[in-house]
Amino acid sequence: MPKYSYRCDTCESEYEIWHGMTEEHMNCNICDAPSVVRIPALLGEVTINTPNERVGDVVNRTIEETKNEMKEYKKNIDRNFKL
């Protein structure tokens, strides 16, 4: 089931709920008013390529950044586990 984000025009709350694609969510989960609007979501990261960068360079840089993030994540897990 997909997760959808909604905003209520009455109480101005924002929340996320899971429901089927064919189901409709009509009333606010907070104030029960029939004034909810679905908030569109972006899928993934948006990257704008500059003219002087090659696609391969962007991919390689992203791979290296991800490797470094994973190393830091693993270090933090090891520290938390040893406590």
PDB file of N, CA and C in Angstrom:
ATOM      1  N   MET A   1       0.831  -1.183   0.000  1.00  0.00           N
ATOM      2  CA  MET A   1       0.000   0.000   0.000  1.00  0.00           C
ATOM      3  C   MET A   1       0.877   1.248   0.000  1.00  0.00           C
ATOM      4  N   PRO A   2       0.537   2.216  -0.799  1.00  0.00           N
ATOM      5  CA  PRO A   2       1.315   3.453  -0.820  1.00  0.00           C
ATOM      6  C   PRO A   2       0.988   4.360   0.364  1.00  0.00           C
ATOM      7  N   LYS A   3       1.946   5.220   0.692  1.00  0.00           N
ATOM      8  CA  LYS A   3       1.776   6.199   1.763  1.00  0.00           C
ATOM      9  C   LYS A   3       1.465   7.549   1.124  1.00  0.00           C
ATOM     10  N   TYR A   4       0.443   8.223   1.619  1.00  0.00           N
ATOM     11  CA  TYR A   4       0.033   9.510   1.085  1.00  0.00           C
ATOM     12  C   TYR A   4       0.130  10.578   2.164  1.00  0.00           C
ATOM     13  N   SER A   5       0.469  11.787   1.760  1.00  0.00           N
ATOM     14  CA  SER A   5       0.518  12.932   2.665  1.00  0.00           C
ATOM     15  C   SER A   5      -0.703  13.804   2.409  1.00  0.00           C
ATOM     16  N   TYR A   6      -1.294  14.278   3.494  1.00  0.00           N
ATOM     17  CA  TYR A   6      -2.486  15.128   3.402  1.00  0.00           C
ATOM     18  C   TYR A   6      -2.315  16.373   4.256  1.00  0.00           C
ATOM     19  N   ARG A   7      -3.034  17.418   3.861  1.00  0.00           N
ATOM     20  CA  ARG A   7      -3.083  18.667   4.624  1.00  0.00           C
ATOM     21  C   ARG A   7      -4.545  19.059   4.767  1.00  0.00           C
ATOM     22  N   CYS A   8      -4.905  19.449   5.985  1.00  0.00           N
ATOM     23  CA  CYS A   8      -6.284  19.871   6.255  1.00  0.00           C
ATOM     24  C   CYS A   8      -6.365  21.391   6.146  1.00  0.00           C
ATOM     25  N   ASP A   9      -7.307  21.877   5.348  1.00  0.00           N
ATOM     26  CA  ASP A   9      -7.491  23.321   5.207  1.00  0.00           C
ATOM     27  C   ASP A   9      -8.164  23.938   6.425  1.00  0.00           C
ATOM     28  N   THR A  10      -8.852  23.148   7.217  1.00  0.00           N
ATOM     29  CA  THR A  10      -9.561  23.669   8.386  1.00  0.00           C
ATOM     30  C   THR A  10      -8.619  23.860   9.577  1.00  0.00           C
ATOM     31  N   CYS A  11      -7.941  22.788   9.981  1.00  0.00           N
ATOM     32  CA  CYS A  11      -7.059  22.877  11.164  1.00  0.00           C
ATOM     33  C   CYS A  11      -5.587  23.049  10.787  1.00  0.00           C
ATOM     34  N   GLU A  12      -5.262  23.017   9.500  1.00  0.00           N
ATOM     35  CA  GLU A  12      -3.918  23.212   8.954  1.00  0.00           C
ATOM     36  C   GLU A  12      -2.919  22.151   9.403  1.00  0.00           C
ATOM     37  N   SER A  13      -3.397  20.985   9.811  1.00  0.00           N
ATOM     38  CA  SER A  13      -2.497  19.899  10.183  1.00  0.00           C
ATOM     39  C   SER A  13      -2.056  19.151   8.931  1.00  0.00           C
ATOM     40  N   GLU A  14      -0.872  18.543   9.021  1.00  0.00           N
ATOM     41  CA  GLU A  14      -0.350  17.698   7.942  1.00  0.00           C
ATOM     42  C   GLU A  14      -0.024  16.339   8.529  1.00  0.00           C
ATOM     43  N   TYR A  15      -0.355  15.291   7.800  1.00  0.00           N
ATOM     44  CA  TYR A  15      -0.121  13.933   8.277  1.00  0.00           C
ATOM     45  C   TYR A  15       0.009  12.992   7.089  1.00  0.00           C
ATOM     46  N   GLU A  16       0.531  11.793   7.376  1.00  0.00           N
ATOM     47  CA  GLU A  16       0.682  10.757   6.350  1.00  0.00           C
ATOM     48  C   GLU A  16      -0.126   9.540   6.760  1.00  0.00           C
ATOM     49  N   ILE A  17      -0.740   8.909   5.777  1.00  0.00           N
ATOM     50  CA  ILE A  17      -1.464   7.663   6.033  1.00  0.00           C
ATOM     51  C   ILE A  17      -1.203   6.689   4.881  1.00  0.00           C
ATOM     52  N   TRP A  18      -1.361   5.418   5.191  1.00  0.00           N
ATOM     53  CA  TRP A  18      -1.234   4.359   4.194  1.00  0.00           C
ATOM     54  C   TRP A  18      -2.634   3.941   3.784  1.00  0.00           C
ATOM     55  N   HIS A  19      -2.876   3.887   2.471  1.00  0.00           N
ATOM     56  CA  HIS A  19      -4.137   3.317   1.991  1.00  0.00           C
ATOM     57  C   HIS A  19      -3.977   2.909   0.540  1.00  0.00           C
ATOM     58  N   GLY A  20      -4.912   2.120   0.065  1.00  0.00           N
ATOM     59  CA  GLY A  20      -4.863   1.627  -1.302  1.00  0.00           C
ATOM     60  C   GLY A  20      -5.032   2.744  -2.316  1.00  0.00           C
ATOM     61  N   MET A  21      -4.583   2.487  -3.530  1.00  0.00           N
ATOM     62  CA  MET A  21      -4.636   3.504  -4.578  1.00  0.00           C
ATOM     63  C   MET A  21      -6.065   3.864  -4.974  1.00  0.00           C
ATOM     64  N   THR A  22      -6.985   2.943  -4.826  1.00  0.00           N
ATOM     65  CA  THR A  22      -8.370   3.215  -5.214  1.00  0.00           C
ATOM     66  C   THR A  22      -9.201   3.799  -4.071  1.00  0.00           C
ATOM     67  N   GLU A  23      -8.661   3.794  -2.855  1.00  0.00           N
ATOM     68  CA  GLU A  23      -9.383   4.348  -1.708  1.00  0.00           C
ATOM     69  C   GLU A  23      -9.278   5.866  -1.709  1.00  0.00           C
ATOM     70  N   GLU A  24     -10.298   6.518  -1.184  1.00  0.00           N
ATOM     71  CA  GLU A  24     -10.285   7.969  -1.060  1.00  0.00           C
ATOM     72  C   GLU A  24     -10.275   8.347   0.415  1.00  0.00           C
ATOM     73  N   HIS A  25      -9.495   9.349   0.755  1.00  0.00           N
ATOM     74  CA  HIS A  25      -9.439   9.856   2.127  1.00  0.00           C
ATOM     75  C   HIS A  25     -10.134  11.210   2.118  1.00  0.00           C
ATOM     76  N   MET A  26     -11.277  11.298   2.752  1.00  0.00           N
ATOM     77  CA  MET A  26     -12.118  12.490   2.644  1.00  0.00           C
ATOM     78  C   MET A  26     -12.066  13.397   3.871  1.00  0.00           C
ATOM     79  N   ASN A  27     -11.960  12.827   5.073  1.00  0.00           N
ATOM     80  CA  ASN A  27     -12.020  13.620   6.298  1.00  0.00           C
ATOM     81  C   ASN A  27     -10.676  13.655   7.007  1.00  0.00           C
ATOM     82  N   CYS A  28     -10.401  14.768   7.659  1.00  0.00           N
ATOM     83  CA  CYS A  28      -9.161  14.963   8.402  1.00  0.00           C
ATOM     84  C   CYS A  28      -9.080  13.983   9.567  1.00  0.00           C
ATOM     85  N   ASN A  29      -7.898  13.415   9.782  1.00  0.00           N
ATOM     86  CA  ASN A  29      -7.698  12.501  10.913  1.00  0.00           C
ATOM     87  C   ASN A  29      -7.642  13.240  12.242  1.00  0.00           C
ATOM     88  N   ILE A  30      -7.411  14.550  12.224  1.00  0.00           N
ATOM     89  CA  ILE A  30      -7.281  15.327  13.445  1.00  0.00           C
ATOM     90  C   ILE A  30      -8.629  15.934  13.862  1.00  0.00           C
ATOM     91  N   CYS A  31      -9.246  16.704  12.946  1.00  0.00           N
ATOM     92  CA  CYS A  31     -10.481  17.430  13.308  1.00  0.00           C
ATOM     93  C   CYS A  31     -11.734  16.872  12.633  1.00  0.00           C
ATOM     94  N   ASP A  32     -11.585  15.863  11.775  1.00  0.00           N
ATOM     95  CA  ASP A  32     -12.685  15.194  11.081  1.00  0.00           C
ATOM     96  C   ASP A  32     -13.421  16.090  10.078  1.00  0.00           C
ATOM     97  N   ALA A  33     -12.827  17.227   9.717  1.00  0.00           N
ATOM     98  CA  ALA A  33     -13.443  18.118   8.722  1.00  0.00           C
ATOM     99  C   ALA A  33     -13.262  17.525   7.325  1.00  0.00           C
ATOM    100  N   PRO A  34     -14.213  17.729   6.433  1.00  0.00           N
ATOM    101  CA  PRO A  34     -14.100  17.189   5.068  1.00  0.00           C
ATOM    102  C   PRO A  34     -13.321  18.128   4.141  1.00  0.00           C
ATOM    103  N   SER A  35     -12.168  18.600   4.607  1.00  0.00           N
ATOM    104  CA  SER A  35     -11.423  19.584   3.812  1.00  0.00           C
ATOM    105  C   SER A  35      -9.949  19.205   3.671  1.00  0.00           C
ATOM    106  N   VAL A  36      -9.672  17.944   3.329  1.00  0.00           N
ATOM    107  CA  VAL A  36      -8.282  17.503   3.177  1.00  0.00           C
ATOM    108  C   VAL A  36      -7.851  17.577   1.714  1.00  0.00           C
ATOM    109  N   VAL A  37      -6.580  17.871   1.533  1.00  0.00           N
ATOM    110  CA  VAL A  37      -5.973  17.953   0.206  1.00  0.00           C
ATOM    111  C   VAL A  37      -4.737  17.070   0.213  1.00  0.00           C
ATOM    112  N   ARG A  38      -4.606  16.235  -0.793  1.00  0.00           N
ATOM    113  CA  ARG A  38      -3.420  15.384  -0.874  1.00  0.00           C
ATOM    114  C   ARG A  38      -2.234  16.216  -1.328  1.00  0.00           C
ATOM    115  N   ILE A  39      -1.100  16.034  -0.654  1.00  0.00           N
ATOM    116  CA  ILE A  39       0.130  16.747  -0.983  1.00  0.00           C
ATOM    117  C   ILE A  39       0.939  15.873  -1.930  1.00  0.00           C
ATOM    118  N   PRO A  40       1.270  16.377  -3.116  1.00  0.00           N
ATOM    119  CA  PRO A  40       2.083  15.586  -4.052  1.00  0.00           C
ATOM    120  C   PRO A  40       3.475  15.327  -3.470  1.00  0.00           C
ATOM    121  N   ALA A  41       4.018  14.155  -3.770  1.00  0.00           N
ATOM    122  CA  ALA A  41       5.334  13.779  -3.257  1.00  0.00           C
ATOM    123  C   ALA A  41       6.308  13.578  -4.413  1.00  0.00           C
ATOM    124  N   LEU A  42       7.551  13.976  -4.187  1.00  0.00           N
ATOM    125  CA  LEU A  42       8.610  13.715  -5.158  1.00  0.00           C
ATOM    126  C   LEU A  42       9.217  12.358  -4.854  1.00  0.00           C
ATOM    127  N   LEU A  43       9.526  11.611  -5.866  1.00  0.00           N
ATOM    128  CA  LEU A  43      10.154  10.319  -5.684  1.00  0.00           C
ATOM    129  C   LEU A  43      11.655  10.461  -5.884  1.00  0.00           C
ATOM    130  N   GLY A  44      12.409  10.131  -4.868  1.00  0.00           N
ATOM    131  CA  GLY A  44      13.857  10.172  -4.988  1.00  0.00           C
ATOM    132  C   GLY A  44      14.426  11.582  -4.931  1.00  0.00           C
ATOM    133  N   GLU A  45      15.704  11.656  -5.168  1.00  0.00           N
ATOM    134  CA  GLU A  45      16.424  12.923  -5.138  1.00  0.00           C
ATOM    135  C   GLU A  45      16.404  13.573  -6.503  1.00  0.00           C
ATOM    136  N   VAL A  46      16.318  14.869  -6.525  1.00  0.00           N
ATOM    137  CA  VAL A  46      16.372  15.603  -7.780  1.00  0.00           C
ATOM    138  C   VAL A  46      17.765  16.198  -7.906  1.00  0.00           C
ATOM    139  N   THR A  47      18.469  15.860  -8.985  1.00  0.00           N
ATOM    140  CA  THR A  47      19.816  16.364  -9.211  1.00  0.00           C
ATOM    141  C   THR A  47      19.842  17.117 -10.525  1.00  0.00           C
ATOM    142  N   ILE A  48      20.398  18.301 -10.483  1.00  0.00           N
ATOM    143  CA  ILE A  48      20.520  19.095 -11.701  1.00  0.00           C
ATOM    144  C   ILE A  48      21.977  19.023 -12.149  1.00  0.00           C
ATOM    145  N   ASN A  49      22.191  18.530 -13.340  1.00  0.00           N
ATOM    146  CA  ASN A  49      23.531  18.368 -13.871  1.00  0.00           C
ATOM    147  C   ASN A  49      24.008  19.690 -14.476  1.00  0.00           C
ATOM    148  N   THR A  50      25.205  20.091 -14.114  1.00  0.00           N
ATOM    149  CA  THR A  50      25.768  21.307 -14.702  1.00  0.00           C
ATOM    150  C   THR A  50      26.433  20.951 -16.025  1.00  0.00           C
ATOM    151  N   PRO A  51      26.505  21.886 -16.965  1.00  0.00           N
ATOM    152  CA  PRO A  51      27.047  21.587 -18.288  1.00  0.00           C
ATOM    153  C   PRO A  51      28.510  21.124 -18.277  1.00  0.00           C
ATOM    154  N   ASN A  52      29.284  21.515 -17.276  1.00  0.00           N
ATOM    155  CA  ASN A  52      30.694  21.130 -17.265  1.00  0.00           C
ATOM    156  C   ASN A  52      30.958  19.856 -16.457  1.00  0.00           C
ATOM    157  N   GLU A  53      29.901  19.130 -16.068  1.00  0.00           N
ATOM    158  CA  GLU A  53      30.063  17.846 -15.386  1.00  0.00           C
ATOM    159  C   GLU A  53      29.539  16.725 -16.270  1.00  0.00           C
ATOM    160  N   ARG A  54      30.305  15.671 -16.336  1.00  0.00           N
ATOM    161  CA  ARG A  54      29.843  14.498 -17.076  1.00  0.00           C
ATOM    162  C   ARG A  54      28.984  13.641 -16.163  1.00  0.00           C
ATOM    163  N   VAL A  55      28.071  12.917 -16.755  1.00  0.00           N
ATOM    164  CA  VAL A  55      27.172  12.060 -15.986  1.00  0.00           C
ATOM    165  C   VAL A  55      27.969  11.041 -15.179  1.00  0.00           C
ATOM    166  N   GLY A  56      28.982  10.459 -15.780  1.00  0.00           N
ATOM    167  CA  GLY A  56      29.816   9.467 -15.091  1.00  0.00           C
ATOM    168  C   GLY A  56      30.486  10.042 -13.857  1.00  0.00           C
ATOM    169  N   ASP A  57      30.901  11.314 -13.928  1.00  0.00           N
ATOM    170  CA  ASP A  57      31.523  11.963 -12.777  1.00  0.00           C
ATOM    171  C   ASP A  57      30.519  12.128 -11.633  1.00  0.00           C
ATOM    172  N   VAL A  58      29.305  12.490 -11.987  1.00  0.00           N
ATOM    173  CA  VAL A  58      28.255  12.644 -10.974  1.00  0.00           C
ATOM    174  C   VAL A  58      27.958  11.302 -10.318  1.00  0.00           C
ATOM    175  N   VAL A  59      27.878  10.244 -11.114  1.00  0.00           N
ATOM    176  CA  VAL A  59      27.599   8.905 -10.586  1.00  0.00           C
ATOM    177  C   VAL A  59      28.727   8.457  -9.666  1.00  0.00           C
ATOM    178  N   ASN A  60      29.962   8.620 -10.103  1.00  0.00           N
ATOM    179  CA  ASN A  60      31.111   8.199  -9.287  1.00  0.00           C
ATOM    180  C   ASN A  60      31.170   8.978  -7.968  1.00  0.00           C
ATOM    181  N   ARG A  61      30.893  10.276  -8.016  1.00  0.00           N
ATOM    182  CA  ARG A  61      30.901  11.089  -6.794  1.00  0.00           C
ATOM    183  C   ARG A  61      29.800  10.612  -5.842  1.00  0.00           C
ATOM    184  N   THR A  62      28.625  10.315  -6.380  1.00  0.00           N
ATOM    185  CA  THR A  62      27.520   9.838  -5.552  1.00  0.00           C
ATOM    186  C   THR A  62      27.853   8.493  -4.916  1.00  0.00           C
ATOM    187  N   ILE A  63      28.496   7.613  -5.657  1.00  0.00           N
ATOM    188  CA  ILE A  63      28.905   6.311  -5.119  1.00  0.00           C
ATOM    189  C   ILE A  63      29.875   6.502  -3.963  1.00  0.00           C
ATOM    190  N   GLU A  64      30.854   7.371  -4.126  1.00  0.00           N
ATOM    191  CA  GLU A  64      31.830   7.621  -3.069  1.00  0.00           C
ATOM    192  C   GLU A  64      31.171   8.234  -1.834  1.00  0.00           C
ATOM    193  N   GLU A  65      30.260   9.175  -2.044  1.00  0.00           N
ATOM    194  CA  GLU A  65      29.556   9.785  -0.917  1.00  0.00           C
ATOM    195  C   GLU A  65      28.740   8.745  -0.158  1.00  0.00           C
ATOM    196  N   THR A  66      28.097   7.846  -0.890  1.00  0.00           N
ATOM    197  CA  THR A  66      27.295   6.791  -0.262  1.00  0.00           C
ATOM    198  C   THR A  66      28.179   5.836   0.522  1.00  0.00           C
ATOM    199  N   LYS A  67      29.339   5.482  -0.032  1.00  0.00           N
ATOM    200  CA  LYS A  67      30.280   4.611   0.686  1.00  0.00           C
ATOM    201  C   LYS A  67      30.711   5.253   1.998  1.00  0.00           C
ATOM    202  N   ASN A  68      31.034   6.537   1.963  1.00  0.00           N
ATOM    203  CA  ASN A  68      31.459   7.238   3.177  1.00  0.00           C
ATOM    204  C   ASN A  68      30.337   7.316   4.201  1.00  0.00           C
ATOM    205  N   GLU A  69      29.115   7.553   3.739  1.00  0.00           N
ATOM    206  CA  GLU A  69      27.975   7.577   4.658  1.00  0.00           C
ATOM    207  C   GLU A  69      27.786   6.219   5.329  1.00  0.00           C
ATOM    208  N   MET A  70      27.950   5.137   4.563  1.00  0.00           N
ATOM    209  CA  MET A  70      27.793   3.792   5.116  1.00  0.00           C
ATOM    210  C   MET A  70      28.888   3.482   6.137  1.00  0.00           C
ATOM    211  N   LYS A  71      30.117   3.927   5.885  1.00  0.00           N
ATOM    212  CA  LYS A  71      31.202   3.722   6.844  1.00  0.00           C
ATOM    213  C   LYS A  71      30.873   4.406   8.167  1.00  0.00           C
ATOM    214  N   GLU A  72      30.391   5.649   8.102  1.00  0.00           N
ATOM    215  CA  GLU A  72      30.025   6.382   9.310  1.00  0.00           C
ATOM    216  C   GLU A  72      28.868   5.698  10.033  1.00  0.00           C
ATOM    217  N   TYR A  73      27.912   5.230   9.273  1.00  0.00           N
ATOM    218  CA  TYR A  73      26.761   4.540   9.857  1.00  0.00           C
ATOM    219  C   TYR A  73      27.216   3.279  10.594  1.00  0.00           C
ATOM    220  N   LYS A  74      28.107   2.517   9.976  1.00  0.00           N
ATOM    221  CA  LYS A  74      28.615   1.287  10.603  1.00  0.00           C
ATOM    222  C   LYS A  74      29.407   1.599  11.860  1.00  0.00           C
ATOM    223  N   LYS A  75      30.190   2.680  11.847  1.00  0.00           N
ATOM    224  CA  LYS A  75      30.938   3.071  13.049  1.00  0.00           C
ATOM    225  C   LYS A  75      29.982   3.384  14.189  1.00  0.00           C
ATOM    226  N   ASN A  76      28.912   4.132  13.882  1.00  0.00           N
ATOM    227  CA  ASN A  76      27.941   4.484  14.916  1.00  0.00           C
ATOM    228  C   ASN A  76      27.230   3.263  15.451  1.00  0.00           C
ATOM    229  N   ILE A  77      26.936   2.301  14.592  1.00  0.00           N
ATOM    230  CA  ILE A  77      26.289   1.072  15.046  1.00  0.00           C
ATOM    231  C   ILE A  77      27.216   0.318  15.977  1.00  0.00           C
ATOM    232  N   ASP A  78      28.508   0.211  15.613  1.00  0.00           N
ATOM    233  CA  ASP A  78      29.478  -0.492  16.461  1.00  0.00           C
ATOM    234  C   ASP A  78      29.589   0.189  17.824  1.00  0.00           C
ATOM    235  N   ARG A  79      29.632   1.529  17.849  1.00  0.00           N
ATOM    236  CA  ARG A  79      29.737   2.252  19.129  1.00  0.00           C
ATOM    237  C   ARG A  79      28.497   2.021  19.986  1.00  0.00           C
ATOM    238  N   ASN A  80      27.339   2.068  19.385  1.00  0.00           N
ATOM    239  CA  ASN A  80      26.109   1.882  20.149  1.00  0.00           C
ATOM    240  C   ASN A  80      25.956   0.455  20.639  1.00  0.00           C
ATOM    241  N   PHE A  81      26.438  -0.502  19.876  1.00  0.00           N
ATOM    242  CA  PHE A  81      26.315  -1.897  20.242  1.00  0.00           C
ATOM    243  C   PHE A  81      27.232  -2.244  21.417  1.00  0.00           C
ATOM    244  N   LYS A  82      28.414  -1.614  21.469  1.00  0.00           N
ATOM    245  CA  LYS A  82      29.402  -1.922  22.506  1.00  0.00           C
ATOM    246  C   LYS A  82      29.056  -1.282  23.834  1.00  0.00           C
ATOM    247  N   LEU A  83      28.123  -0.347  23.872  1.00  0.00           N
ATOM    248  CA  LEU A  83      27.772   0.322  25.128  1.00  0.00           C
ATOM    249  C   LEU A  83      27.065  -0.568  26.045  1.00  0.00           C
TER     250      LEU A  83
END
